[in-house]
Amino acid sequence: MNMRVAMYYNNRDVRLEELPVPKIGPGELLLRTRASGICGSDLMEWYRIKKAPLVLGHEITGEIVEVGDGVNNFRAGNRVFSSHHVPCGQCRYCLAGHQSVCDLLRTTHFEPGGFAEYIRVPKINVELGTLRIPDTMTFDEGSFIEPLACVVRAQRFARTSAGQTILVIGSGISGLLHIQLARARGAARVIATDISEFRLNAAKQFGADATIHGAEDVPVRLNELNGGRLADVVIVCTGALPAAQQATQSIDRGGTLLFFAPTAAGVDVPIPLFDFWRDEINVVTSYAGSGDDLKEALELIRDRKVRVADMVTHRLPLAEAGLGFQLTASGQDSIKVIIDPLL
């Protein structure tokens, strides 16, 4: 039996094709995909095109339709989230709290990808990366568990806490999640930047106290908005080099600069090392999310501490996945685009 998939060739060429429905083995699950979000990382063409053609999509929820031998914690009909990449939990990196650089995490994945009618979840992903979602949570909301887990991990690394001023540079979906999480953790002031008026308005809608257009002198405007101080934590949610340069100039003494989004490979960001040394500024990075981060993200969504349902601006069938990529890339009239293979 065949199924429909959205096959990625490049950001402007995503085709509706057919593949065989995956066959599962012992310890595995077969999911019927119910929601699969398009992530900004799906648009990193310089990275994705090397592996094309392939089926992308890793922010998923679905219904279990088949359970492999030996699976005791799940049954057909369960509503679940499953993580595309999972760490082993036992290597030196995992034990040191750096699960996202685990060798196993970088090789695990489900088959073929989230932009498909059905997904095979391997045994290790079932054991270490699959969670039941409560009946009060929609499939769309559940598809935010993975991106929010990445944000949870990043803010843990940056040690965001109550009373801080947080500057979020880039107000796409990741920036909006950072804004909401910082607010949920008691930030005194959250300020956001972007070059899109649509996204700046979204930042206000989802909790930013103030916004700054990226074409302005961001450090000067930040100083004005924050009572003569820069930010305690600056979170970079765009790979644009000018934004990264603005970020290095926007951190108060003793503050933290968090690079959440990467530049393209090979692009270096100049750091004013003497100033950072003198002012004791920390620089941290974060990639992906661990199992505990996934569980915390689920709880944040379940308890409505982070509102994600209102972020969904488009729900499209597999046949319109190419349009979804265009909408996500433009960022002008979309926040989150969900692919629903049942449409």
Protein backbone atom coordinates (compact mmCIF):
# COMPACT_ATOMS: atom_id res chain seq x y z
CA MET A 1 0.00 0.00 0.00
CA ASN A 2 1.25 3.46 -0.89
CA MET A 3 0.87 6.79 0.90
CA ARG A 4 1.22 10.42 -0.13
CA VAL A 5 4.25 12.45 0.91
CA ALA A 6 5.55 15.97 0.26
CA MET A 7 8.99 15.39 -1.28
CA TYR A 8 11.48 18.22 -0.82
CA TYR A 9 13.84 19.06 -3.69
CA ASN A 10 14.53 22.69 -2.73
CA ASN A 11 12.67 25.55 -1.06
CA ARG A 12 10.75 26.29 -4.28
CA ASP A 13 10.21 22.70 -5.36
CA VAL A 14 8.18 20.51 -3.01
CA ARG A 15 6.23 17.81 -4.85
CA LEU A 16 3.34 15.55 -3.91
CA GLU A 17 4.61 12.00 -4.46
CA GLU A 18 3.91 8.46 -3.29
CA LEU A 19 5.97 6.08 -1.20
CA PRO A 20 5.14 2.68 0.31
CA VAL A 21 3.60 2.85 3.78
CA PRO A 22 6.45 1.93 6.15
CA LYS A 23 6.41 -1.54 7.68
CA ILE A 24 7.11 -1.67 11.40
CA GLY A 25 9.10 -4.18 13.39
CA PRO A 26 9.27 -5.22 17.06
CA GLY A 27 9.16 -2.29 19.46
CA GLU A 28 8.06 0.15 16.76
CA LEU A 29 4.93 2.21 16.07
CA LEU A 30 3.10 3.25 12.93
CA LEU A 31 1.50 6.68 13.23
CA ARG A 32 -1.09 8.36 11.09
CA THR A 33 0.18 11.95 10.95
CA ARG A 34 -2.37 14.49 12.14
CA ALA A 35 -0.28 17.67 12.34
CA SER A 36 3.21 18.48 11.11
CA GLY A 37 4.58 22.00 11.52
CA ILE A 38 6.93 23.65 9.05
CA CYS A 39 10.04 24.73 10.96
CA GLY A 40 12.43 27.51 10.04
CA SER A 41 15.18 24.90 9.96
CA ASP A 42 13.27 23.13 7.15
CA LEU A 43 14.04 26.24 5.07
CA MET A 44 17.83 26.06 5.62
CA GLU A 45 18.33 25.19 1.96
CA TRP A 46 22.14 25.31 2.14
CA TYR A 47 21.88 22.43 4.61
CA ARG A 48 18.83 20.52 3.35
CA ILE A 49 19.58 20.45 -0.37
CA LYS A 50 22.64 18.26 0.14
CA LYS A 51 20.33 15.40 1.17
CA ALA A 52 17.48 16.08 -1.29
CA PRO A 53 15.18 14.64 -2.39
CA LEU A 54 13.79 13.78 1.01
CA VAL A 55 10.68 14.04 3.18
CA LEU A 56 11.14 16.71 5.84
CA GLY A 57 8.99 17.47 8.90
CA HIS A 58 9.87 16.84 12.54
CA GLU A 59 7.26 18.77 14.54
CA ILE A 60 4.58 16.11 14.56
CA THR A 61 1.64 14.58 16.33
CA GLY A 62 -0.43 11.63 15.26
CA GLU A 63 -2.61 8.65 16.07
CA ILE A 64 -1.12 5.20 16.57
CA VAL A 65 -2.55 2.82 13.98
CA GLU A 66 -0.24 -0.18 14.51
CA VAL A 67 1.85 -1.36 17.47
CA GLY A 68 4.89 -3.61 17.11
CA ASP A 69 5.56 -6.69 19.23
CA GLY A 70 6.92 -5.85 22.65
CA VAL A 71 5.39 -2.36 22.92
CA ASN A 72 3.54 -2.23 26.22
CA ASN A 73 3.12 1.50 26.93
CA PHE A 74 1.11 2.39 23.83
CA ARG A 75 -1.83 0.97 21.92
CA ALA A 76 -3.68 1.69 18.69
CA GLY A 77 -5.76 4.85 18.93
CA ASN A 78 -3.43 6.68 21.33
CA ARG A 79 -2.78 10.34 20.49
CA VAL A 80 0.96 10.96 20.68
CA PHE A 81 3.86 13.28 20.03
CA SER A 82 7.10 11.67 18.87
CA SER A 83 10.56 13.18 18.69
CA HIS A 84 12.51 12.86 15.45
CA HIS A 85 15.93 12.74 17.19
CA VAL A 86 16.61 11.10 20.55
CA PRO A 87 19.79 10.87 22.65
CA CYS A 88 21.05 7.68 24.26
CA GLY A 89 21.12 9.13 27.79
CA GLN A 90 24.22 7.15 28.69
CA CYS A 91 27.22 8.60 26.81
CA ARG A 92 29.62 11.18 28.27
CA TYR A 93 27.76 13.99 26.51
CA CYS A 94 24.34 12.95 27.79
CA LEU A 95 25.63 12.47 31.32
CA ALA A 96 27.15 15.96 31.20
CA GLY A 97 23.77 17.47 30.22
CA HIS A 98 24.61 17.93 26.54
CA GLN A 99 22.15 15.40 25.13
CA SER A 100 21.78 17.31 21.86
CA VAL A 101 25.37 16.54 20.83
CA CYS A 102 24.97 12.81 21.50
CA ASP A 103 26.14 10.71 18.55
CA LEU A 104 22.92 8.69 18.65
CA LEU A 105 20.75 11.82 18.52
CA ARG A 106 22.44 12.83 15.29
CA THR A 107 21.64 9.50 13.62
CA THR A 108 18.09 8.74 14.88
CA HIS A 109 14.99 9.75 12.92
CA PHE A 110 11.58 8.47 12.02
CA GLU A 111 10.63 7.23 8.55
CA PRO A 112 10.22 8.97 6.18
CA GLY A 113 9.51 12.37 7.80
CA GLY A 114 6.59 14.37 9.14
CA PHE A 115 5.23 15.53 5.77
CA ALA A 116 3.74 12.12 5.07
CA GLU A 117 0.47 10.33 5.75
CA TYR A 118 2.17 7.67 7.90
CA ILE A 119 5.35 7.55 9.97
CA ARG A 120 7.34 4.60 11.29
CA VAL A 121 8.69 5.37 14.77
CA PRO A 122 11.81 3.25 15.52
CA LYS A 123 12.09 1.37 18.80
CA ILE A 124 14.50 3.81 20.46
CA ASN A 125 12.29 6.78 19.51
CA VAL A 126 9.31 4.95 21.00
CA GLU A 127 11.18 4.34 24.24
CA LEU A 128 12.92 7.71 24.64
CA GLY A 129 10.99 10.26 22.59
CA THR A 130 7.26 9.43 22.40
CA LEU A 131 4.70 10.99 24.74
CA ARG A 132 0.94 10.65 25.09
CA ILE A 133 -0.78 13.99 24.61
CA PRO A 134 -3.82 14.77 26.79
CA ASP A 135 -7.31 14.87 25.32
CA THR A 136 -7.47 18.58 26.17
CA MET A 137 -4.61 19.26 23.73
CA THR A 138 -5.25 19.44 20.01
CA PHE A 139 -2.93 17.79 17.50
CA ASP A 140 -1.93 21.25 16.29
CA GLU A 141 -0.97 22.30 19.82
CA GLY A 142 0.97 19.08 20.30
CA SER A 143 3.05 19.79 17.21
CA PHE A 144 4.59 22.71 19.14
CA ILE A 145 6.10 20.39 21.77
CA GLU A 146 9.35 19.95 19.85
CA PRO A 147 9.98 23.63 18.97
CA LEU A 148 9.01 24.75 22.47
CA ALA A 149 11.34 22.13 23.99
CA CYS A 150 14.21 23.72 22.05
CA VAL A 151 13.26 27.08 23.55
CA VAL A 152 12.97 25.62 27.06
CA ARG A 153 16.47 24.15 26.79
CA ALA A 154 17.92 27.38 25.41
CA GLN A 155 16.50 29.55 28.18
CA ARG A 156 17.72 27.06 30.76
CA PHE A 157 21.22 27.39 29.32
CA ALA A 158 20.88 31.20 29.33
CA ARG A 159 19.53 31.12 32.91
CA THR A 160 16.59 33.39 32.20
CA SER A 161 14.75 34.26 35.40
CA ALA A 162 12.27 36.59 37.01
CA GLY A 163 13.08 40.29 37.02
CA GLN A 164 15.30 40.30 33.94
CA THR A 165 15.07 42.37 30.78
CA ILE A 166 15.05 40.04 27.79
CA LEU A 167 15.75 41.22 24.23
CA VAL A 168 14.56 38.83 21.50
CA ILE A 169 16.11 39.56 18.11
CA GLY A 170 13.91 38.10 15.38
CA SER A 171 10.19 37.61 15.96
CA GLY A 172 9.46 34.56 13.86
CA ILE A 173 7.94 31.49 15.48
CA SER A 174 11.02 30.80 17.64
CA GLY A 175 11.20 34.40 18.77
CA LEU A 176 7.51 34.38 19.69
CA LEU A 177 7.96 31.22 21.74
CA HIS A 178 10.94 32.81 23.49
CA ILE A 179 8.85 35.89 24.26
CA GLN A 180 6.08 33.80 25.80
CA LEU A 181 8.43 31.60 27.81
CA ALA A 182 10.36 34.60 29.15
CA ARG A 183 7.05 36.14 30.19
CA ALA A 184 5.95 32.87 31.83
CA ARG A 185 9.21 32.82 33.79
CA GLY A 186 8.60 36.27 35.19
CA ALA A 187 10.74 38.54 33.05
CA ALA A 188 10.38 42.16 34.10
CA ARG A 189 10.50 43.40 30.52
CA VAL A 190 10.52 41.66 27.14
CA ILE A 191 11.51 43.65 24.07
CA ALA A 192 11.50 42.20 20.54
CA THR A 193 12.94 43.21 17.18
CA ASP A 194 12.26 42.33 13.56
CA ILE A 195 12.30 43.96 10.13
CA SER A 196 8.70 42.89 9.43
CA GLU A 197 5.80 44.96 10.76
CA PHE A 198 3.64 41.82 10.67
CA ARG A 199 6.05 40.04 13.00
CA LEU A 200 6.49 43.07 15.24
CA ASN A 201 2.72 43.16 15.71
CA ALA A 202 2.76 39.42 16.46
CA ALA A 203 5.47 40.02 19.08
CA LYS A 204 3.18 42.49 20.86
CA GLN A 205 0.25 40.08 20.58
CA PHE A 206 2.24 37.31 22.27
CA GLY A 207 3.64 39.32 25.16
CA ALA A 208 6.39 41.75 24.17
CA ASP A 209 6.25 44.98 26.18
CA ALA A 210 7.83 46.91 23.32
CA THR A 211 9.25 46.34 19.86
CA ILE A 212 12.11 47.82 17.86
CA HIS A 213 12.33 47.81 14.08
CA GLY A 214 15.55 46.16 12.98
CA ALA A 215 16.44 49.16 10.82
CA GLU A 216 16.70 51.35 13.93
CA ASP A 217 19.77 51.66 16.13
CA VAL A 218 18.71 48.75 18.32
CA PRO A 219 21.14 49.28 21.25
CA VAL A 220 20.26 52.99 21.49
CA ARG A 221 16.52 52.34 21.33
CA LEU A 222 16.83 49.47 23.82
CA ASN A 223 18.63 51.78 26.24
CA GLU A 224 15.79 54.29 25.97
CA LEU A 225 13.08 51.67 26.51
CA ASN A 226 14.88 50.03 29.43
CA GLY A 227 15.58 53.03 31.65
CA GLY A 228 19.17 53.59 30.57
CA ARG A 229 20.23 49.93 30.64
CA LEU A 230 20.84 47.27 28.03
CA ALA A 231 19.39 43.73 28.27
CA ASP A 232 20.25 41.05 30.82
CA VAL A 233 19.73 38.37 28.18
CA VAL A 234 19.79 38.78 24.41
CA ILE A 235 18.33 35.90 22.38
CA VAL A 236 19.22 35.77 18.68
CA CYS A 237 16.46 34.04 16.69
CA THR A 238 17.62 34.87 13.18
CA GLY A 239 20.68 33.92 11.20
CA ALA A 240 21.00 37.38 9.63
CA LEU A 241 24.50 38.73 10.28
CA PRO A 242 23.37 42.35 10.97
CA ALA A 243 21.05 41.01 13.69
CA ALA A 244 23.90 39.09 15.30
CA GLN A 245 26.03 42.23 15.25
CA GLN A 246 23.22 44.22 16.88
CA ALA A 247 23.01 41.54 19.54
CA THR A 248 26.66 41.87 20.54
CA GLN A 249 26.05 45.57 21.27
CA SER A 250 22.84 45.11 23.28
CA ILE A 251 23.97 43.17 26.38
CA ASP A 252 24.32 44.77 29.80
CA ARG A 253 27.32 44.07 32.02
CA GLY A 254 27.19 40.55 33.44
CA GLY A 255 24.58 39.58 30.86
CA THR A 256 24.21 36.63 28.51
CA LEU A 257 24.13 36.44 24.72
CA LEU A 258 22.26 33.35 23.49
CA PHE A 259 22.63 32.30 19.87
CA PHE A 260 19.47 30.27 19.30
CA ALA A 261 19.50 30.49 15.49
CA PRO A 262 22.65 29.74 13.49
CA THR A 263 24.20 31.65 10.64
CA ALA A 264 24.87 29.64 7.50
CA ALA A 265 27.82 27.29 7.83
CA GLY A 266 31.11 29.12 7.36
CA VAL A 267 29.74 32.54 8.27
CA ASP A 268 31.61 33.98 11.25
CA VAL A 269 30.15 36.48 13.73
CA PRO A 270 32.69 39.00 15.04
CA ILE A 271 32.73 39.19 18.85
CA PRO A 272 34.17 42.27 20.63
CA LEU A 273 36.17 40.03 22.94
CA PHE A 274 37.81 42.79 24.96
CA ASP A 275 34.43 44.36 25.78
CA PHE A 276 32.93 40.96 26.62
CA TRP A 277 35.92 40.14 28.84
CA ARG A 278 35.78 43.47 30.64
CA ASP A 279 32.00 43.31 31.16
CA GLU A 280 31.85 39.58 32.00
CA ILE A 281 29.40 38.78 29.23
CA ASN A 282 28.54 35.13 28.68
CA VAL A 283 28.01 33.65 25.21
CA VAL A 284 25.95 30.45 24.99
CA THR A 285 24.44 28.37 22.22
CA SER A 286 21.72 25.74 22.25
CA TYR A 287 20.66 23.06 19.80
CA ALA A 288 17.52 20.90 19.97
CA GLY A 289 15.84 19.70 23.18
CA SER A 290 16.20 16.74 25.54
CA GLY A 291 13.58 14.39 26.95
CA ASP A 292 13.01 16.50 30.07
CA ASP A 293 12.64 19.60 27.89
CA LEU A 294 9.96 17.82 25.83
CA LYS A 295 8.03 16.92 28.97
CA GLU A 296 8.25 20.49 30.28
CA ALA A 297 7.12 21.85 26.92
CA LEU A 298 4.11 19.53 26.94
CA GLU A 299 3.20 20.76 30.43
CA LEU A 300 3.58 24.42 29.46
CA ILE A 301 1.23 23.94 26.50
CA ARG A 302 -1.20 21.79 28.48
CA ASP A 303 -1.43 24.38 31.26
CA ARG A 304 -1.79 27.25 28.73
CA LYS A 305 1.30 28.99 30.15
CA VAL A 306 2.53 29.22 26.58
CA ARG A 307 -0.29 29.87 24.10
CA VAL A 308 0.34 28.12 20.81
CA ALA A 309 -3.10 27.59 19.25
CA ASP A 310 -3.29 31.25 18.25
CA MET A 311 0.04 30.96 16.44
CA VAL A 312 -1.40 28.69 13.75
CA THR A 313 -2.27 30.92 10.80
CA HIS A 314 -2.49 28.27 8.05
CA ARG A 315 -3.51 24.61 7.87
CA LEU A 316 -2.71 23.02 4.51
CA PRO A 317 -2.97 19.57 2.89
CA LEU A 318 0.10 17.69 1.70
CA ALA A 319 -0.56 18.82 -1.86
CA GLU A 320 -0.03 22.43 -0.76
CA ALA A 321 3.16 21.86 1.25
CA GLY A 322 5.08 23.91 -1.33
CA LEU A 323 2.81 26.86 -0.60
CA GLY A 324 3.45 26.28 3.09
CA PHE A 325 7.20 26.58 2.52
CA GLN A 326 6.66 29.84 0.61
CA LEU A 327 4.46 31.26 3.37
CA THR A 328 6.96 30.31 6.05
CA ALA A 329 9.87 31.75 4.08
CA SER A 330 8.14 35.09 3.48
CA GLY A 331 7.04 35.55 7.09
CA GLN A 332 4.82 38.40 5.96
CA ASP A 333 1.37 37.00 6.65
CA SER A 334 2.00 33.72 8.44
CA ILE A 335 3.22 32.68 11.85
CA LYS A 336 2.89 28.89 11.96
CA VAL A 337 1.95 26.72 9.00
CA ILE A 338 0.64 23.23 9.81
CA ILE A 339 0.45 20.42 7.26
CA ASP A 340 -2.47 18.05 7.92
CA PRO A 341 -2.36 14.98 5.65
CA LEU A 342 -6.04 14.28 6.35
CA LEU A 343 -7.13 17.49 4.60
